[in-house]
């Protein structure tokens, strides 16, 4: 509740300003847009990549309010969480933070979350706080994943599953089967490869595509396939309805193939043959439009910390035999999905399948940490997606835990500081002097000017359109000083 946040929460003075410094630096590195639309000491409207969002310091709740534009707010949210952690790690090691979703119980006197919070900004001693609560995002996600109602600490149902889906589904990672996917992750389950592939799946939630900033829909068997459904039907439909297939060709994945039995079905080979035939056969390519981007992984080192380079020579040890039972399953899958059976299927051997995958322009990390592999692999796949995925017809809209109020929304497209509110300082006549300080932080380091934190507290505002020209290294220098 609001009382809990007031009595138990703590928002250190200057925390918001330190966070904004990191946010703007990241915005300048990732956005091609005019990356800062509005900037006050307690409010900012910024771009990460092509996605616009607003941050507002809410001291009476010991909180920072975030409104994110687009159909997939997770990318911005998780990046902001990283920046918050960075600020904490520098100078506030014992500070903890949580992400909460504002919730008002029906048509109560408290009104909508935005009406309530605006009223509290004017009169923070207002007693009309009943009906307003702040739900832990992790608990919301867990309820959606397990298809459960949201139950409060007293055991009462606060939100039904349908209510959760209606209000908060966009703030959760996507689970369950879909009609089509952007990415299909194909791998052999093992203690070595499974954790890395799971991390890749999660990492894709940091990216959005198209002008509507929608999420990238990724197929991963243990996240998408539902109990009680036919495994091969679901995964084959997912693969043939995916834009990019990502085979994880690793040393570990080939171990079983070294002793391949032509009369046994290898499900990993089923996926790889299906992807190859859909790509290489002109008729199937015209129907599926599949792209393939393989990730080639060597074995882990002795400490399980890094991956050695993939050895192409290892493929020569795989038997050059036709996987008859596996090919028969692929033919059945094509027929089941009303796709033509390609004649070239009968020419595949286990070795030729692997060699065919290595022909593609994929990702070949060398002596890299898994974390680095995950990040770089996702960047490559997203870059490929953006070359051919068309913009959505749907208009971009604001998705927010507390929706944007009218006065702020009207200012989103205006670089001038036009807000008429008692809570924001008008443009200071000392702006030029402050601008000189920002452009040359060495002046601060030499002690020739008053402390920047105090100075910004007095000044209260920047000129947003000029802030785009601030060198990133200057902002980082300011961040270190703070």
Protein backbone atom coordinates (compact mmCIF):
# COMPACT_ATOMS: atom_id res chain seq x y z
CA UNK A 1 0.00 0.00 0.00
CA UNK A 2 0.96 3.66 -0.16
CA UNK A 3 1.38 3.66 3.64
CA UNK A 4 3.86 0.77 3.35
CA UNK A 5 5.91 2.63 0.76
CA UNK A 6 5.91 5.77 2.90
CA UNK A 7 6.84 4.11 6.18
CA UNK A 8 9.15 1.33 4.99
CA UNK A 9 10.60 2.78 1.79
CA UNK A 10 13.64 4.99 1.38
CA UNK A 11 14.66 7.04 -1.66
CA UNK A 12 18.11 8.59 -1.05
CA UNK A 13 18.52 12.27 -1.93
CA UNK A 14 20.26 12.60 -5.29
CA UNK A 15 19.48 9.02 -6.36
CA UNK A 16 17.18 10.13 -9.18
CA UNK A 17 19.79 12.56 -10.55
CA UNK A 18 22.49 9.89 -10.53
CA UNK A 19 20.15 7.50 -12.33
CA UNK A 20 19.21 10.10 -14.94
CA UNK A 21 22.90 10.64 -15.74
CA UNK A 22 23.30 6.95 -16.62
CA UNK A 23 19.99 6.87 -18.50
CA UNK A 24 20.95 9.81 -20.72
CA UNK A 25 24.39 8.35 -21.43
CA UNK A 26 22.79 5.06 -22.50
CA UNK A 27 20.18 6.92 -24.55
CA UNK A 28 22.87 8.74 -26.50
CA UNK A 29 24.56 5.43 -27.33
CA UNK A 30 21.41 3.57 -28.40
CA UNK A 31 19.02 6.09 -29.93
CA UNK A 32 18.96 7.67 -33.37
CA UNK A 33 16.11 9.91 -32.26
CA UNK A 34 16.28 13.23 -30.47
CA UNK A 35 17.03 11.16 -27.41
CA UNK A 36 15.96 13.53 -24.63
CA UNK A 37 12.56 15.12 -25.10
CA UNK A 38 12.17 16.71 -21.70
CA UNK A 39 14.41 16.97 -18.66
CA UNK A 40 13.72 18.39 -15.21
CA UNK A 41 15.43 17.62 -11.93
CA UNK A 42 12.50 15.33 -11.05
CA UNK A 43 11.16 14.27 -14.46
CA UNK A 44 12.58 13.11 -17.80
CA UNK A 45 11.23 11.86 -21.13
CA UNK A 46 13.93 9.86 -22.93
CA UNK A 47 14.50 7.32 -25.72
CA UNK A 48 16.22 3.94 -25.46
CA UNK A 49 16.72 2.93 -29.07
CA UNK A 50 13.43 3.78 -30.74
CA UNK A 51 11.38 3.44 -27.56
CA UNK A 52 10.22 6.47 -25.62
CA UNK A 53 9.58 6.45 -21.88
CA UNK A 54 9.11 8.80 -18.94
CA UNK A 55 10.66 8.74 -15.47
CA UNK A 56 9.37 10.80 -12.57
CA UNK A 57 10.67 11.05 -9.03
CA UNK A 58 7.82 10.51 -6.52
CA UNK A 59 9.34 11.35 -3.12
CA UNK A 60 6.18 10.90 -1.04
CA UNK A 61 6.12 7.23 -2.11
CA UNK A 62 9.93 6.81 -1.95
CA UNK A 63 9.61 5.68 -5.56
CA UNK A 64 10.43 6.43 -9.18
CA UNK A 65 7.46 6.25 -11.52
CA UNK A 66 8.06 4.88 -15.04
CA UNK A 67 5.74 5.11 -18.08
CA UNK A 68 6.85 3.21 -21.19
CA UNK A 69 5.55 3.62 -24.72
CA UNK A 70 4.91 0.65 -26.99
CA UNK A 71 3.53 -2.87 -26.83
CA UNK A 72 6.60 -4.32 -25.13
CA UNK A 73 7.83 -2.33 -22.12
CA UNK A 74 10.06 -5.12 -20.78
CA UNK A 75 13.15 -4.05 -22.73
CA UNK A 76 13.20 -0.57 -21.20
CA UNK A 77 12.22 -1.82 -17.75
CA UNK A 78 15.04 -4.38 -17.54
CA UNK A 79 17.61 -1.90 -18.85
CA UNK A 80 16.48 0.62 -16.21
CA UNK A 81 16.84 -2.07 -13.54
CA UNK A 82 20.44 -2.59 -14.67
CA UNK A 83 21.13 1.15 -14.34
CA UNK A 84 19.51 1.24 -10.88
CA UNK A 85 21.75 -1.64 -9.80
CA UNK A 86 24.81 0.19 -11.14
CA UNK A 87 23.99 3.30 -9.08
CA UNK A 88 23.45 1.16 -5.97
CA UNK A 89 26.69 -0.76 -6.45
CA UNK A 90 28.76 2.43 -6.63
CA UNK A 91 27.78 4.03 -3.34
CA UNK A 92 24.67 2.47 -1.78
CA UNK A 93 25.61 -1.19 -1.36
CA UNK A 94 22.92 -2.07 1.20
CA UNK A 95 20.05 -0.50 -0.74
CA UNK A 96 17.48 -2.88 -2.28
CA UNK A 97 14.78 -2.09 -4.82
CA UNK A 98 11.62 -3.70 -6.15
CA UNK A 99 9.38 -3.16 -9.18
CA UNK A 100 5.71 -2.56 -8.38
CA UNK A 101 2.62 -2.16 -10.55
CA UNK A 102 0.03 0.44 -9.47
CA UNK A 103 -3.45 -1.00 -8.97
CA UNK A 104 -6.71 0.67 -8.01
CA UNK A 105 -9.60 -1.52 -6.89
CA UNK A 106 -12.43 -0.82 -9.30
CA UNK A 107 -14.33 2.46 -9.47
CA UNK A 108 -13.46 3.62 -5.98
CA UNK A 109 -13.15 7.15 -4.67
CA UNK A 110 -9.43 6.93 -5.17
CA UNK A 111 -9.92 7.02 -8.97
CA UNK A 112 -7.37 5.78 -11.49
CA UNK A 113 -3.68 5.43 -10.51
CA UNK A 114 -2.76 8.57 -12.45
CA UNK A 115 -5.56 10.62 -10.84
CA UNK A 116 -4.53 9.41 -7.40
CA UNK A 117 -0.82 10.09 -7.84
CA UNK A 118 -1.43 13.57 -9.30
CA UNK A 119 -3.69 14.41 -6.35
CA UNK A 120 -1.01 13.17 -3.94
CA UNK A 121 1.63 15.32 -5.63
CA UNK A 122 -0.49 18.36 -4.77
CA UNK A 123 -1.47 17.19 -1.28
CA UNK A 124 0.79 14.40 -0.06
CA UNK A 125 -0.99 14.41 3.32
CA UNK A 126 -4.26 13.41 1.69
CA UNK A 127 -6.00 10.59 3.51
CA UNK A 128 -7.77 9.20 0.42
CA UNK A 129 -5.39 6.29 0.00
CA UNK A 130 -7.76 3.35 0.44
CA UNK A 131 -8.11 1.20 -2.65
CA UNK A 132 -4.66 2.00 -4.06
CA UNK A 133 -2.06 -0.77 -3.90
CA UNK A 134 1.26 -1.57 -5.56
CA UNK A 135 1.69 -5.16 -6.74
CA UNK A 136 5.10 -6.85 -6.91
CA UNK A 137 5.87 -7.47 -10.58
CA UNK A 138 7.61 -10.78 -9.84
CA UNK A 139 4.49 -12.09 -8.09
CA UNK A 140 2.31 -10.91 -11.00
CA UNK A 141 4.59 -12.74 -13.45
CA UNK A 142 4.56 -15.90 -11.34
CA UNK A 143 0.76 -15.90 -11.20
CA UNK A 144 0.52 -15.48 -14.97
CA UNK A 145 3.08 -18.20 -15.64
CA UNK A 146 1.28 -20.64 -13.31
CA UNK A 147 -2.16 -19.42 -14.47
CA UNK A 148 -3.22 -18.50 -10.94
CA UNK A 149 -5.24 -15.69 -9.39
CA UNK A 150 -3.36 -12.93 -7.52
CA UNK A 151 -3.96 -13.50 -3.81
CA UNK A 152 -3.03 -10.92 -1.15
CA UNK A 153 -1.31 -11.65 2.18
CA UNK A 154 -4.67 -12.32 3.85
CA UNK A 155 -5.62 -15.00 1.31
CA UNK A 156 -8.20 -12.91 -0.55
CA UNK A 157 -8.25 -12.83 -4.35
CA UNK A 158 -7.17 -9.35 -5.37
CA UNK A 159 -7.14 -10.04 -9.13
CA UNK A 160 -8.45 -12.98 -11.11
CA UNK A 161 -6.30 -14.54 -13.83
CA UNK A 162 -8.41 -12.78 -16.49
CA UNK A 163 -7.86 -9.44 -14.71
CA UNK A 164 -4.11 -10.07 -14.62
CA UNK A 165 -4.01 -10.92 -18.32
CA UNK A 166 -6.01 -7.83 -19.19
CA UNK A 167 -3.95 -5.38 -17.12
CA UNK A 168 -0.43 -6.74 -16.85
CA UNK A 169 0.29 -9.30 -19.59
CA UNK A 170 2.51 -6.83 -21.51
CA UNK A 171 4.80 -6.59 -18.47
CA UNK A 172 5.52 -10.32 -18.51
CA UNK A 173 7.62 -12.55 -20.72
CA UNK A 174 5.63 -14.44 -23.31
CA UNK A 175 4.76 -18.09 -22.65
CA UNK A 176 2.49 -20.63 -24.39
CA UNK A 177 2.08 -21.48 -28.07
CA UNK A 178 1.54 -18.83 -30.75
CA UNK A 179 0.49 -18.81 -34.38
CA UNK A 180 3.91 -17.57 -35.51
CA UNK A 181 7.31 -16.65 -34.08
CA UNK A 182 10.21 -14.38 -34.89
CA UNK A 183 12.87 -16.79 -33.62
CA UNK A 184 13.02 -20.57 -33.16
CA UNK A 185 15.79 -21.84 -30.84
CA UNK A 186 16.88 -25.36 -31.78
CA UNK A 187 19.30 -27.23 -29.51
CA UNK A 188 20.01 -30.54 -27.79
CA UNK A 189 19.16 -30.54 -24.10
CA UNK A 190 22.22 -31.04 -21.89
CA UNK A 191 23.70 -29.59 -18.67
CA UNK A 192 26.17 -27.72 -20.89
CA UNK A 193 23.94 -26.13 -23.54
CA UNK A 194 20.49 -25.84 -21.90
CA UNK A 195 21.37 -23.02 -19.45
CA UNK A 196 22.96 -20.97 -22.23
CA UNK A 197 19.94 -21.37 -24.53
CA UNK A 198 17.60 -20.43 -21.66
CA UNK A 199 19.67 -17.27 -21.10
CA UNK A 200 19.37 -16.43 -24.81
CA UNK A 201 15.58 -16.83 -24.56
CA UNK A 202 15.45 -14.42 -21.62
CA UNK A 203 17.84 -11.97 -23.27
CA UNK A 204 15.51 -11.48 -26.22
CA UNK A 205 13.07 -9.75 -23.85
CA UNK A 206 15.48 -6.78 -23.86
CA UNK A 207 14.78 -6.11 -27.55
CA UNK A 208 11.82 -4.71 -29.44
CA UNK A 209 11.19 -4.48 -33.19
CA UNK A 210 9.01 -2.51 -35.62
CA UNK A 211 7.69 1.00 -35.06
CA UNK A 212 5.15 -0.27 -32.52
CA UNK A 213 8.04 -1.55 -30.34
CA UNK A 214 6.53 -5.02 -30.04
CA UNK A 215 8.25 -7.89 -28.29
CA UNK A 216 10.29 -10.47 -30.17
CA UNK A 217 8.39 -13.74 -30.03
CA UNK A 218 10.79 -16.63 -29.39
CA UNK A 219 10.11 -20.37 -29.40
CA UNK A 220 11.91 -22.46 -26.78
CA UNK A 221 10.51 -25.94 -26.17
CA UNK A 222 10.42 -25.93 -22.37
CA UNK A 223 8.86 -22.45 -22.33
CA UNK A 224 6.33 -22.86 -25.12
CA UNK A 225 5.18 -26.48 -25.37
CA UNK A 226 2.14 -27.12 -23.20
CA UNK A 227 1.49 -30.34 -21.30
CA UNK A 228 -1.03 -32.67 -22.87
CA UNK A 229 -0.37 -31.47 -26.42
CA UNK A 230 1.34 -33.36 -29.25
CA UNK A 231 5.04 -32.47 -29.09
CA UNK A 232 5.94 -32.87 -32.77
CA UNK A 233 2.81 -31.12 -34.03
CA UNK A 234 3.48 -28.03 -31.94
CA UNK A 235 7.22 -27.73 -32.51
CA UNK A 236 6.95 -28.43 -36.26
CA UNK A 237 4.28 -25.77 -36.67
CA UNK A 238 6.40 -23.35 -34.64
CA UNK A 239 9.50 -23.99 -36.77
CA UNK A 240 7.74 -23.66 -40.13
CA UNK A 241 6.07 -20.47 -38.88
CA UNK A 242 9.27 -18.81 -37.60
CA UNK A 243 11.16 -16.02 -39.35
CA UNK A 244 14.63 -17.08 -38.12
CA UNK A 245 15.72 -20.56 -37.02
CA UNK A 246 18.74 -20.56 -34.69
CA UNK A 247 20.41 -23.99 -34.48
CA UNK A 248 22.89 -24.35 -31.61
CA UNK A 249 25.49 -26.58 -33.25
CA UNK A 250 27.80 -27.49 -30.38
CA UNK A 251 30.38 -30.13 -29.62
CA UNK A 252 27.95 -31.50 -27.02
CA UNK A 253 25.04 -31.65 -29.47
CA UNK A 254 27.12 -33.82 -31.86
CA UNK A 255 28.08 -36.46 -29.29
CA UNK A 256 24.94 -38.54 -29.87
CA UNK A 257 25.35 -38.22 -33.65
CA UNK A 258 28.77 -39.91 -33.54
CA UNK A 259 26.93 -43.20 -32.93
CA UNK A 260 23.81 -42.41 -34.94
CA UNK A 261 21.44 -45.30 -35.64
CA UNK A 262 19.65 -44.80 -38.98
CA UNK A 263 16.56 -46.57 -37.61
CA UNK A 264 16.25 -44.25 -34.59
CA UNK A 265 14.73 -40.77 -34.64
CA UNK A 266 16.93 -37.86 -33.53
CA UNK A 267 14.60 -34.95 -32.74
CA UNK A 268 17.38 -32.37 -33.07
CA UNK A 269 18.16 -33.64 -36.57
CA UNK A 270 14.43 -33.47 -37.34
CA UNK A 271 14.49 -29.73 -36.59
CA UNK A 272 17.69 -29.06 -38.51
CA UNK A 273 16.61 -31.05 -41.60
CA UNK A 274 13.23 -29.30 -41.55
CA UNK A 275 14.90 -25.88 -41.38
CA UNK A 276 17.36 -26.72 -44.17
CA UNK A 277 14.77 -28.09 -46.54
CA UNK A 278 12.43 -25.13 -45.96
CA UNK A 279 15.31 -22.78 -46.73
CA UNK A 280 16.85 -24.60 -49.72
CA UNK A 281 13.72 -25.75 -51.53
CA UNK A 282 12.34 -22.88 -53.65
CA UNK A 283 8.72 -23.91 -53.22
CA UNK A 284 9.03 -24.30 -49.44
CA UNK A 285 11.07 -21.08 -49.13
CA UNK A 286 8.32 -19.16 -50.91
CA UNK A 287 5.80 -20.52 -48.39
CA UNK A 288 7.81 -20.28 -45.15
CA UNK A 289 10.37 -17.46 -45.78
CA UNK A 290 12.71 -19.07 -43.23
CA UNK A 291 16.19 -17.69 -42.49
CA UNK A 292 18.87 -19.69 -40.66
CA UNK A 293 21.49 -18.26 -38.29
CA UNK A 294 23.52 -21.04 -36.62
CA UNK A 295 25.49 -20.57 -33.40
CA UNK A 296 28.63 -22.75 -33.34
CA UNK A 297 29.84 -23.64 -29.85
CA UNK A 298 32.94 -25.50 -28.75
CA UNK A 299 33.27 -27.39 -25.45
CA UNK A 300 33.55 -25.54 -22.13
CA UNK A 301 36.95 -25.16 -20.50
CA UNK A 302 37.97 -27.11 -17.40
CA UNK A 303 36.39 -24.48 -15.11
CA UNK A 304 33.13 -24.31 -17.10
CA UNK A 305 33.68 -20.57 -17.41
CA UNK A 306 34.48 -20.10 -21.10
CA UNK A 307 33.69 -21.81 -24.41
CA UNK A 308 36.55 -23.02 -26.56
CA UNK A 309 36.28 -22.36 -30.32
CA UNK A 310 34.13 -24.73 -32.36
CA UNK A 311 36.19 -27.28 -34.33
CA UNK A 312 34.94 -27.81 -37.89
CA UNK A 313 37.16 -30.89 -38.10
CA UNK A 314 34.93 -32.62 -35.54
CA UNK A 315 32.18 -32.84 -38.15
CA UNK A 316 34.31 -35.25 -40.18
CA UNK A 317 34.00 -37.80 -37.35
CA UNK A 318 30.20 -37.85 -37.69
CA UNK A 319 29.03 -40.81 -39.83
CA UNK A 320 28.09 -40.05 -43.43
CA UNK A 321 24.90 -42.13 -43.31
CA UNK A 322 21.30 -41.30 -44.15
CA UNK A 323 19.12 -40.88 -41.03
CA UNK A 324 16.23 -42.85 -42.54
CA UNK A 325 13.83 -42.81 -39.57
CA UNK A 326 14.47 -39.11 -38.97
CA UNK A 327 13.86 -38.21 -42.63
CA UNK A 328 10.60 -40.20 -42.55
CA UNK A 329 9.40 -38.05 -39.61
CA UNK A 330 10.31 -34.86 -41.51
CA UNK A 331 8.21 -36.04 -44.46
CA UNK A 332 5.26 -36.72 -42.16
CA UNK A 333 5.64 -33.24 -40.62
CA UNK A 334 5.62 -31.56 -44.03
CA UNK A 335 2.46 -33.45 -45.01
CA UNK A 336 0.80 -32.66 -41.67
CA UNK A 337 1.46 -28.93 -42.22
CA UNK A 338 0.19 -29.13 -45.84
CA UNK A 339 3.67 -28.44 -47.22
CA UNK A 340 5.19 -30.18 -50.26
CA UNK A 341 7.66 -33.00 -49.60
CA UNK A 342 10.97 -31.95 -51.13
CA UNK A 343 12.74 -34.59 -53.22
CA UNK A 344 16.16 -33.51 -51.90
CA UNK A 345 15.23 -34.86 -48.45
CA UNK A 346 16.45 -38.34 -49.39
CA UNK A 347 19.95 -37.05 -50.13
CA UNK A 348 20.70 -35.79 -46.61
CA UNK A 349 23.25 -37.58 -44.43
CA UNK A 350 24.05 -36.81 -40.80
CA UNK A 351 27.40 -35.30 -41.80
CA UNK A 352 25.98 -33.28 -44.73
CA UNK A 353 23.31 -31.78 -42.45
CA UNK A 354 25.96 -30.41 -40.09
CA UNK A 355 28.15 -29.16 -42.93
CA UNK A 356 25.16 -27.44 -44.53
CA UNK A 357 24.54 -25.51 -41.31
CA UNK A 358 28.14 -24.26 -41.18
CA UNK A 359 27.75 -22.68 -44.64
CA UNK A 360 25.42 -20.01 -43.26
CA UNK A 361 26.76 -16.70 -41.97
CA UNK A 362 26.25 -17.51 -38.30
CA UNK A 363 27.95 -16.78 -34.98
CA UNK A 364 31.30 -18.36 -34.11
CA UNK A 365 32.51 -17.16 -30.69
CA UNK A 366 36.12 -17.80 -29.76
CA UNK A 367 37.17 -18.47 -26.16
CA UNK A 368 34.22 -16.46 -24.82
CA UNK A 369 32.23 -16.33 -21.60
CA UNK A 370 28.65 -17.62 -21.83
CA UNK A 371 27.37 -14.16 -20.85
CA UNK A 372 29.18 -12.60 -23.80
CA UNK A 373 27.92 -15.33 -26.15
CA UNK A 374 24.33 -14.73 -25.06
CA UNK A 375 24.56 -10.97 -25.60
CA UNK A 376 26.35 -11.12 -28.96
CA UNK A 377 24.15 -13.89 -30.35
CA UNK A 378 20.98 -11.96 -29.57
CA UNK A 379 22.38 -8.80 -31.15
CA UNK A 380 23.09 -10.70 -34.39
CA UNK A 381 19.64 -12.28 -34.56
CA UNK A 382 17.89 -8.98 -33.85
CA UNK A 383 19.96 -7.22 -36.51
CA UNK A 384 18.88 -9.90 -39.02
CA UNK A 385 15.23 -9.59 -37.99
CA UNK A 386 15.26 -5.84 -38.50
CA UNK A 387 16.38 -6.24 -42.11
CA UNK A 388 13.14 -7.90 -43.20
CA UNK A 389 10.43 -7.79 -40.51
CA UNK A 390 7.86 -5.25 -41.66
CA UNK A 391 6.44 -2.51 -39.47
CA UNK A 392 3.15 -3.32 -37.79
CA UNK A 393 0.02 -1.59 -38.98
CA UNK A 394 -1.12 -1.02 -35.44
CA UNK A 395 -0.41 2.40 -33.97
CA UNK A 396 2.09 2.62 -31.17
CA UNK A 397 0.50 3.24 -27.81
CA UNK A 398 1.56 3.95 -24.25
CA UNK A 399 1.75 0.94 -21.96
CA UNK A 400 2.11 1.98 -18.37
CA UNK A 401 1.61 0.87 -14.81
CA UNK A 402 0.37 4.43 -14.22
CA UNK A 403 -0.79 5.86 -17.55
CA UNK A 404 0.52 9.17 -18.80
CA UNK A 405 -1.56 12.13 -17.66
CA UNK A 406 -2.79 14.63 -20.23
CA UNK A 407 -0.41 17.47 -19.40
CA UNK A 408 2.69 15.29 -19.78
CA UNK A 409 1.33 13.49 -22.83
CA UNK A 410 0.82 16.77 -24.67
CA UNK A 411 4.48 17.61 -24.09
CA UNK A 412 5.85 14.35 -25.53
CA UNK A 413 6.23 15.84 -29.01
CA UNK A 414 7.51 19.20 -27.84
CA UNK A 415 11.18 19.82 -27.04
CA UNK A 416 10.40 23.08 -25.26
CA UNK A 417 9.70 23.15 -21.54
CA UNK A 418 6.04 24.07 -21.56
CA UNK A 419 4.66 22.34 -18.46
CA UNK A 420 2.59 24.68 -16.34
CA UNK A 421 2.75 23.03 -12.94
CA UNK A 422 3.64 24.18 -9.42
CA UNK A 423 5.87 21.12 -9.04
CA UNK A 424 8.36 21.98 -11.80
CA UNK A 425 10.77 24.90 -11.85
CA UNK A 426 10.47 27.25 -14.87
CA UNK A 427 13.50 27.76 -17.11
CA UNK A 428 16.23 29.44 -15.09
CA UNK A 429 18.04 32.55 -16.37
CA UNK A 430 21.24 30.86 -15.15
CA UNK A 431 20.81 28.11 -17.74
CA UNK A 432 23.82 29.17 -19.83
CA UNK A 433 26.11 29.07 -16.81
CA UNK A 434 24.87 25.58 -15.92
CA UNK A 435 25.32 24.49 -19.53
CA UNK A 436 28.98 25.52 -19.38
CA UNK A 437 29.43 23.34 -16.30
CA UNK A 438 27.86 20.32 -18.00
CA UNK A 439 30.04 20.76 -21.09
CA UNK A 440 33.20 21.09 -19.04
CA UNK A 441 32.98 18.95 -15.89
CA UNK A 442 36.65 19.69 -15.13
CA UNK A 443 35.46 23.04 -13.79
CA UNK A 444 33.61 21.12 -11.11
CA UNK A 445 36.55 18.85 -10.38
CA UNK A 446 38.74 21.90 -9.77
CA UNK A 447 36.25 23.23 -7.25
CA UNK A 448 35.74 26.52 -9.11
CA UNK A 449 31.97 26.06 -9.13
CA UNK A 450 29.52 25.01 -6.43
CA UNK A 451 28.69 21.33 -6.09
CA UNK A 452 26.80 20.17 -9.18
CA UNK A 453 24.20 18.33 -7.16
CA UNK A 454 23.29 21.49 -5.24
CA UNK A 455 23.48 23.58 -8.39
CA UNK A 456 21.02 21.35 -10.22
CA UNK A 457 18.77 21.41 -7.18
CA UNK A 458 18.67 25.21 -7.46
CA UNK A 459 18.40 25.26 -11.23
CA UNK A 460 15.88 22.47 -11.64
CA UNK A 461 15.82 22.21 -15.43
CA UNK A 462 17.84 21.68 -18.61
CA UNK A 463 17.06 22.68 -22.18
CA UNK A 464 16.18 19.27 -23.61
CA UNK A 465 16.97 19.75 -27.30
CA UNK A 466 20.48 21.06 -26.55
CA UNK A 467 21.25 18.22 -24.14
CA UNK A 468 21.46 15.86 -27.15
CA UNK A 469 24.85 17.38 -27.94
CA UNK A 470 26.43 16.61 -24.57
CA UNK A 471 29.39 14.23 -25.15
CA UNK A 472 28.85 10.86 -23.50
CA UNK A 473 32.23 11.02 -21.81
CA UNK A 474 31.24 14.30 -20.10
CA UNK A 475 28.10 12.73 -18.71
CA UNK A 476 30.09 9.75 -17.49
CA UNK A 477 32.60 12.11 -15.86
CA UNK A 478 29.75 13.85 -14.04
CA UNK A 479 28.45 10.44 -12.95
CA UNK A 480 31.84 9.57 -11.44
CA UNK A 481 31.96 12.91 -9.64
CA UNK A 482 28.57 12.36 -8.06
